[in-house]
Protein backbone atom coordinates (compact mmCIF):
# COMPACT_ATOMS: atom_id res chain seq x y z
CA MET A 1 92.01 23.40 -37.69
CA PHE A 2 88.87 21.90 -39.00
CA ALA A 3 86.60 24.00 -41.16
CA PRO A 4 83.51 22.82 -42.92
CA GLN A 5 83.47 22.98 -46.73
CA LEU A 6 80.92 25.52 -47.93
CA ASP A 7 80.01 23.59 -51.05
CA SER A 8 78.82 20.58 -48.93
CA PRO A 9 75.04 20.81 -47.92
CA PRO A 10 74.26 20.49 -44.20
CA THR A 11 73.19 17.03 -43.08
CA HIS A 12 70.09 18.36 -41.27
CA GLY A 13 68.80 19.79 -44.58
CA ILE A 14 69.02 16.39 -46.20
CA ALA A 15 67.18 14.75 -43.33
CA ALA A 16 64.39 17.31 -43.52
CA ARG A 17 63.92 16.75 -47.27
CA GLN A 18 63.89 12.96 -46.77
CA TRP A 19 61.28 13.25 -43.94
CA GLY A 20 59.14 15.46 -46.16
CA ARG A 21 59.27 12.94 -49.02
CA PHE A 22 58.35 10.17 -46.49
CA LEU A 23 55.32 12.11 -45.25
CA TRP A 24 54.18 12.85 -48.79
CA GLN A 25 54.52 9.24 -49.93
CA HIS A 26 52.73 7.81 -46.86
CA SER A 27 50.24 10.61 -46.15
CA PHE A 28 47.18 8.46 -47.03
CA ARG A 29 48.19 5.68 -44.62
CA ILE A 30 48.94 8.17 -41.83
CA ILE A 31 45.61 9.94 -42.23
CA THR A 32 43.82 6.56 -42.25
CA LEU A 33 45.58 5.47 -39.04
CA LEU A 34 44.72 8.76 -37.33
CA LEU A 35 41.04 8.40 -38.28
CA VAL A 36 40.92 4.81 -36.98
CA ALA A 37 42.55 5.87 -33.70
CA ALA A 38 40.01 8.68 -33.31
CA VAL A 39 37.10 6.28 -33.85
CA ILE A 40 38.52 3.77 -31.35
CA PHE A 41 39.06 6.51 -28.73
CA THR A 42 35.53 7.86 -29.15
CA ALA A 43 33.95 4.39 -28.90
CA ALA A 44 35.98 3.63 -25.79
CA ARG A 45 34.61 6.71 -24.06
CA GLN A 46 30.99 5.79 -24.98
CA THR A 47 31.16 2.08 -24.21
CA PRO A 48 29.57 1.34 -20.81
CA SER A 49 31.33 -0.82 -18.31
CA PRO A 50 30.11 -4.42 -17.90
CA GLY A 51 26.77 -4.65 -16.13
CA SER A 52 25.80 -1.04 -16.80
CA LYS A 53 24.02 -1.25 -20.14
CA ASN A 54 22.74 2.10 -21.40
CA LEU A 55 24.23 3.81 -18.38
CA GLN A 56 23.84 7.56 -18.59
CA ILE A 57 26.46 9.65 -16.82
CA PRO A 58 24.64 12.39 -14.92
CA GLN A 59 25.64 15.97 -15.58
CA SER A 60 25.03 16.76 -11.92
CA THR A 61 24.53 14.51 -8.95
CA GLU A 62 21.98 16.98 -7.62
CA ALA A 63 19.42 15.66 -10.11
CA PHE A 64 19.60 12.23 -8.43
CA VAL A 65 19.49 13.35 -4.81
CA GLN A 66 15.95 13.05 -3.44
CA ASP A 67 14.83 14.20 -0.06
CA ALA A 68 13.49 11.50 2.23
CA PRO A 69 9.68 11.60 2.47
CA PRO A 70 8.47 13.42 5.56
CA PRO A 71 7.36 11.18 8.43
CA ILE A 72 3.66 10.40 8.49
CA ASP A 73 1.65 12.19 11.14
CA TRP A 74 -0.32 9.07 11.99
CA PRO A 75 -2.96 10.50 14.36
CA ARG A 76 -4.09 12.85 11.58
CA GLN A 77 -4.51 9.92 9.18
CA TYR A 78 -7.65 8.87 11.04
CA ALA A 79 -10.02 11.73 10.30
CA TRP A 80 -12.71 10.62 12.76
CA LEU A 81 -10.47 11.09 15.80
CA SER A 82 -11.15 14.09 18.01
CA LYS A 83 -8.24 16.28 19.09
CA ARG A 84 -8.36 14.61 22.49
CA ALA A 85 -8.21 11.16 20.87
CA GLN A 86 -5.33 12.28 18.67
CA SER A 87 -3.35 13.39 21.71
CA ALA A 88 -3.88 9.95 23.30
CA TYR A 89 -3.12 8.08 20.06
CA ASP A 90 -1.65 4.61 20.54
CA PRO A 91 -1.00 2.66 17.30
CA LEU A 92 -2.03 -0.97 17.08
CA LEU A 93 1.51 -2.09 16.25
CA ASN A 94 2.72 -0.69 19.57
CA ARG A 95 -0.12 -2.29 21.49
CA ILE A 96 0.41 -5.73 19.95
CA PRO A 97 4.03 -6.72 19.18
CA PRO A 98 4.75 -9.63 16.82
CA PRO A 99 5.01 -13.10 18.35
CA GLN A 100 8.41 -14.29 19.54
CA GLY A 101 10.60 -15.36 16.63
CA PHE A 102 8.38 -13.57 14.10
CA SER A 103 8.58 -10.16 12.46
CA ARG A 104 5.99 -8.08 10.68
CA THR A 105 6.09 -8.27 6.90
CA THR A 106 7.54 -5.31 5.05
CA VAL A 107 4.85 -3.11 3.51
CA PRO A 108 5.07 0.12 1.47
CA CYS A 109 5.02 3.27 3.57
CA GLY A 110 1.55 4.81 3.53
CA SER A 111 -0.10 1.74 1.98
CA PHE A 112 -3.40 0.28 3.17
CA ALA A 113 -1.48 -2.41 5.08
CA ASP A 114 0.67 0.27 6.74
CA TRP A 115 -2.46 2.29 7.59
CA LEU A 116 -4.13 -0.76 9.18
CA ARG A 117 -1.19 -1.63 11.41
CA HIS A 118 -1.20 1.96 12.70
CA LEU A 119 -4.93 1.98 13.52
CA PRO A 120 -5.64 3.78 16.80
CA ALA A 121 -6.04 1.32 19.65
CA ALA A 122 -8.53 2.38 22.31
CA GLN A 123 -7.62 2.50 25.96
CA PRO A 124 -7.30 -1.00 27.51
CA ASP A 125 -10.39 -0.42 29.64
CA ARG A 126 -12.65 0.01 26.58
CA PRO A 127 -15.25 -2.82 26.28
CA VAL A 128 -16.86 -4.14 23.11
CA THR A 129 -20.47 -3.00 23.01
CA ASN A 130 -23.47 -3.54 20.75
CA SER A 131 -25.84 -1.01 19.20
CA LYS A 132 -27.83 -0.90 22.45
CA ARG A 133 -24.62 0.01 24.32
CA GLN A 134 -24.69 -3.33 26.07
CA THR A 135 -21.31 -4.92 26.81
CA VAL A 136 -20.40 -7.87 24.60
CA TYR A 137 -16.79 -8.34 25.78
CA GLN A 138 -15.44 -6.87 29.00
CA PRO A 139 -11.88 -5.51 29.05
CA GLY A 140 -9.56 -8.44 29.71
CA ASP A 141 -11.93 -10.96 28.12
CA PRO A 142 -9.78 -13.88 26.82
CA ARG A 143 -11.41 -13.49 23.37
CA LEU A 144 -10.43 -9.82 23.11
CA ALA A 145 -6.95 -8.55 22.17
CA ALA A 146 -7.74 -4.85 21.60
CA VAL A 147 -10.54 -2.45 20.73
CA ILE A 148 -10.03 -0.08 17.79
CA ASP A 149 -10.95 3.54 18.36
CA LEU A 150 -12.97 3.70 15.17
CA GLN A 151 -16.59 4.51 15.72
CA PRO A 152 -17.41 8.16 16.53
CA GLY A 153 -19.07 8.55 19.90
CA ALA A 154 -22.36 9.73 18.42
CA GLY A 155 -22.32 7.36 15.46
CA ASN A 156 -24.26 4.16 14.99
CA LEU A 157 -22.38 0.89 15.22
CA LEU A 158 -21.84 -0.92 11.96
CA LEU A 159 -22.44 -4.47 10.87
CA ALA A 160 -19.42 -6.61 10.01
CA ALA A 161 -19.57 -6.03 6.24
CA SER A 162 -20.04 -2.28 6.65
CA MET A 163 -16.92 -2.21 8.82
CA MET A 164 -14.92 -3.56 5.87
CA VAL A 165 -16.22 -0.74 3.66
CA ARG A 166 -15.62 1.84 6.39
CA LEU A 167 -11.95 0.92 6.78
CA ARG A 168 -11.29 0.85 3.06
CA ALA A 169 -13.07 4.16 2.44
CA GLU A 170 -11.37 5.92 5.34
CA TYR A 171 -7.98 4.86 4.04
CA PHE A 172 -8.75 6.32 0.61
CA TRP A 173 -9.81 9.56 2.26
CA SER A 174 -6.59 9.83 4.30
CA ALA A 175 -4.42 8.86 1.30
CA LYS A 176 -6.14 11.49 -0.88
CA LYS A 177 -7.17 8.84 -3.41
CA ILE A 178 -10.81 9.55 -2.87
CA ASP A 179 -11.73 10.53 -6.45
CA THR A 180 -11.42 6.91 -7.58
CA LEU A 181 -13.40 5.47 -4.67
CA ALA A 182 -16.55 3.49 -5.49
CA PHE A 183 -18.47 0.65 -3.88
CA HIS A 184 -21.36 -1.56 -4.92
CA TYR A 185 -24.77 -1.62 -3.38
CA THR A 186 -26.19 -5.10 -2.80
CA SER A 187 -28.35 -4.47 -5.89
CA GLY A 188 -25.18 -4.34 -7.99
CA HIS A 189 -25.27 -0.62 -8.68
CA VAL A 190 -22.02 1.28 -8.27
CA ALA A 191 -22.00 4.27 -5.93
CA ALA A 192 -18.98 6.47 -6.66
CA TRP A 193 -17.83 9.18 -4.32
CA ALA A 194 -17.03 11.46 -7.29
CA ASP A 195 -20.70 11.36 -8.35
CA TRP A 196 -21.93 11.95 -4.81
CA ALA A 197 -19.53 14.88 -4.36
CA ALA A 198 -20.82 16.33 -7.64
CA GLY A 199 -24.34 16.36 -6.19
CA GLU A 200 -25.88 13.10 -7.48
CA ARG A 201 -28.13 11.13 -5.13
CA PRO A 202 -29.64 7.64 -5.46
CA THR A 203 -33.35 6.93 -5.65
CA VAL A 204 -34.27 3.37 -4.72
CA HIS A 205 -37.50 1.68 -5.81
CA GLY A 206 -37.31 -1.98 -4.84
CA LYS A 207 -34.30 -3.34 -6.70
CA VAL A 208 -34.14 -0.42 -9.11
CA VAL A 209 -31.61 2.30 -8.27
CA SER A 210 -31.29 5.50 -10.27
CA PHE A 211 -29.09 8.55 -9.71
CA HIS A 212 -30.18 12.16 -10.14
CA GLN A 213 -28.55 15.55 -9.77
CA GLU A 214 -30.08 16.94 -6.60
CA ARG A 215 -27.43 18.87 -4.66
CA PRO A 216 -24.66 21.37 -5.32
CA ALA A 217 -21.12 20.04 -5.53
CA ASP A 218 -19.57 19.41 -2.12
CA ASP A 219 -16.35 17.49 -1.42
CA SER A 220 -16.24 18.21 2.31
CA ARG A 221 -15.60 15.68 5.06
CA ALA A 222 -19.18 16.08 6.30
CA ASN A 223 -20.53 15.21 2.86
CA PHE A 224 -18.17 12.24 2.66
CA CYS A 225 -19.61 10.93 5.93
CA SER A 226 -23.11 11.26 4.43
CA TYR A 227 -21.92 9.24 1.44
CA LEU A 228 -20.65 6.53 3.80
CA GLU A 229 -23.92 6.43 5.74
CA THR A 230 -25.80 5.76 2.50
CA LEU A 231 -23.31 3.06 1.57
CA PHE A 232 -23.79 1.35 4.92
CA ARG A 233 -27.54 1.32 4.41
CA TYR A 234 -27.16 -0.83 1.30
CA THR A 235 -24.03 -2.81 2.22
CA THR A 236 -24.00 -6.56 2.91
CA VAL A 237 -21.42 -9.30 2.49
CA TYR A 238 -22.84 -9.76 -1.02
CA SER A 239 -22.01 -6.19 -2.01
CA VAL A 240 -18.50 -6.58 -0.57
CA LEU A 241 -18.11 -9.69 -2.72
CA GLN A 242 -18.66 -7.48 -5.77
CA ASP A 243 -15.89 -5.13 -4.62
CA SER A 244 -13.40 -7.95 -4.04
CA GLU A 245 -12.11 -11.11 -5.65
CA LYS A 246 -11.08 -14.48 -4.31
CA SER A 247 -7.44 -15.09 -3.52
CA ALA A 248 -6.36 -17.38 -6.33
CA ASP A 249 -2.71 -17.75 -5.28
CA ALA A 250 -3.22 -18.70 -1.61
CA THR A 251 -1.39 -15.59 -0.45
CA ILE A 252 -2.58 -13.54 2.50
CA ALA A 253 -1.90 -9.89 3.27
CA ALA A 254 -3.13 -7.11 5.50
CA GLY A 255 -6.39 -5.72 4.11
CA ASP A 256 -7.62 -9.10 2.87
CA MET A 257 -10.99 -10.31 4.11
CA PHE A 258 -12.57 -13.61 5.02
CA ILE A 259 -16.12 -13.33 3.71
CA LEU A 260 -18.67 -15.89 4.86
CA THR A 261 -22.09 -16.04 3.18
CA GLY A 262 -25.32 -17.81 4.00
CA ARG A 263 -27.13 -17.76 7.32
CA ALA A 264 -23.85 -17.23 9.18
CA ALA A 265 -22.82 -14.30 6.94
CA HIS A 266 -19.82 -12.52 8.36
CA ALA A 267 -16.66 -10.61 7.39
CA VAL A 268 -13.29 -10.58 9.16
CA MET A 269 -10.34 -8.44 8.07
CA VAL A 270 -6.64 -9.30 8.21
CA LEU A 271 -5.07 -6.33 10.00
CA ASP A 272 -1.43 -7.45 9.98
CA VAL A 273 0.83 -10.34 8.97
CA ALA A 274 4.01 -11.69 10.58
CA THR A 275 6.39 -14.43 9.39
CA ASN A 276 9.43 -16.26 10.76
CA ALA A 277 12.60 -17.66 9.22
CA GLU A 278 10.90 -20.99 8.52
CA GLY A 279 8.16 -19.33 6.47
CA ARG A 280 5.38 -19.80 9.00
CA VAL A 281 2.65 -17.18 8.96
CA ARG A 282 0.67 -15.51 11.73
CA VAL A 283 -2.12 -12.97 11.20
CA LEU A 284 -3.93 -10.37 13.27
CA LEU A 285 -7.71 -10.39 12.76
CA GLY A 286 -10.27 -7.65 13.31
CA GLN A 287 -14.06 -7.76 13.12
CA GLY A 288 -17.29 -5.98 13.87
CA GLY A 289 -20.31 -8.17 14.38
CA ASN A 290 -23.76 -9.30 13.37
CA PRO A 291 -25.59 -7.79 15.24
CA ALA A 292 -23.40 -4.68 15.15
CA GLN A 293 -20.50 -4.45 17.57
CA THR A 294 -17.50 -2.24 18.26
CA PHE A 295 -14.65 -3.09 15.89
CA HIS A 296 -12.10 -5.17 17.80
CA VAL A 297 -9.06 -7.43 17.47
CA LEU A 298 -9.55 -11.13 18.20
CA ARG A 299 -7.50 -13.43 20.41
CA ALA A 300 -6.83 -17.12 19.69
CA ASP A 301 -7.47 -20.07 22.01
CA ASP A 302 -3.83 -20.09 23.11
CA GLY A 303 -4.15 -16.50 24.33
CA SER A 304 -2.18 -14.97 21.46
CA PRO A 305 -3.71 -12.34 19.17
CA TRP A 306 -1.69 -13.86 16.31
CA PHE A 307 -3.50 -16.70 14.55
CA PRO A 308 -1.51 -19.38 12.71
CA VAL A 309 -2.52 -19.91 9.09
CA SER A 310 -2.61 -23.33 7.44
CA LYS A 311 -3.45 -24.09 3.81
CA SER A 312 -5.25 -27.25 4.89
CA THR A 313 -7.29 -25.92 7.81
CA GLY A 314 -7.18 -22.14 7.36
CA ILE A 315 -7.62 -20.34 10.67
CA THR A 316 -9.30 -21.76 13.72
CA LEU A 317 -11.16 -19.18 15.78
CA ARG A 318 -12.33 -19.86 19.30
CA GLY A 319 -14.44 -22.96 19.47
CA LYS A 320 -14.87 -24.78 16.17
CA GLU A 321 -15.38 -21.81 13.84
CA GLN A 322 -13.08 -21.95 10.84
CA LEU A 323 -11.89 -19.31 8.41
CA LYS A 324 -10.84 -21.15 5.27
CA LEU A 325 -8.57 -19.81 2.56
CA LYS A 326 -11.29 -20.47 -0.01
CA ASP A 327 -13.21 -17.62 1.64
CA LEU A 328 -10.27 -15.19 1.50
CA HIS A 329 -10.77 -12.14 -0.72
CA HIS A 330 -8.58 -9.27 -1.94
CA TRP A 331 -10.00 -5.83 -2.68
CA ARG A 332 -10.32 -5.20 -6.40
């Protein structure tokens, strides 16, 4: 019968002492290895994956979830419309679809270009009239694509250049960007809405214009319309030139204007732009008139409201009238 000898130490005790001596002799190396492993593990957790430089891991996805902007109530964007006109609202983009094979350019939601393409189109039986309420274009006239429901019924018709200012100013009002709105008089003086709303009024003596505090502060819609009426009194194509700049890159966009000076002074606004897969461009054009006329959308010789644009010839209106790209201006 086998019995262990008591004077012989257990083998597991020897192994423990040897392991202890090993740890003591190599403790520095072990600690160093552990520190290096810790550094490598930490760096691996902080190193972004390829293509995600400086990527920050969100603590909660809720911080990155944004509600979609509410849909625009377009009839209410055109402050001059009566409640009856709002109920009959028909946007220009519905009235005039893009030409076959073309699509409207993408524009930011709520931008000036977006606002223009949603302008309220008048009923198809609306004629173009002059300031004496005489008919200039009958409904169905081959030169007429649509009439814009722009001028209030009791308001005076505007000249072509004043129409450009009217559209731009009305957009700023609807977009609530009105505090930065300012236009030039033909004299070169700047008339800012913020000053007018604060009660300042212009005094004109020949070519000298000075502004004086005359009224209490008033930022109402009625006072804004008074500001516009004063602008229109001193607006010409030459004042619009001071509020715009020539297109230096031969690009064209909704809101741009063709400004013609001289004896045939005139202003025509680009209301919308469409392109096709081949890069060809078509534009929708709107104008008032000299003498004053209802603001309306033009139609080309081929019967389409979409005018082709060429760098060499610009745009050919009915007859021989040309709108050249050298006369194209962007708002400043």
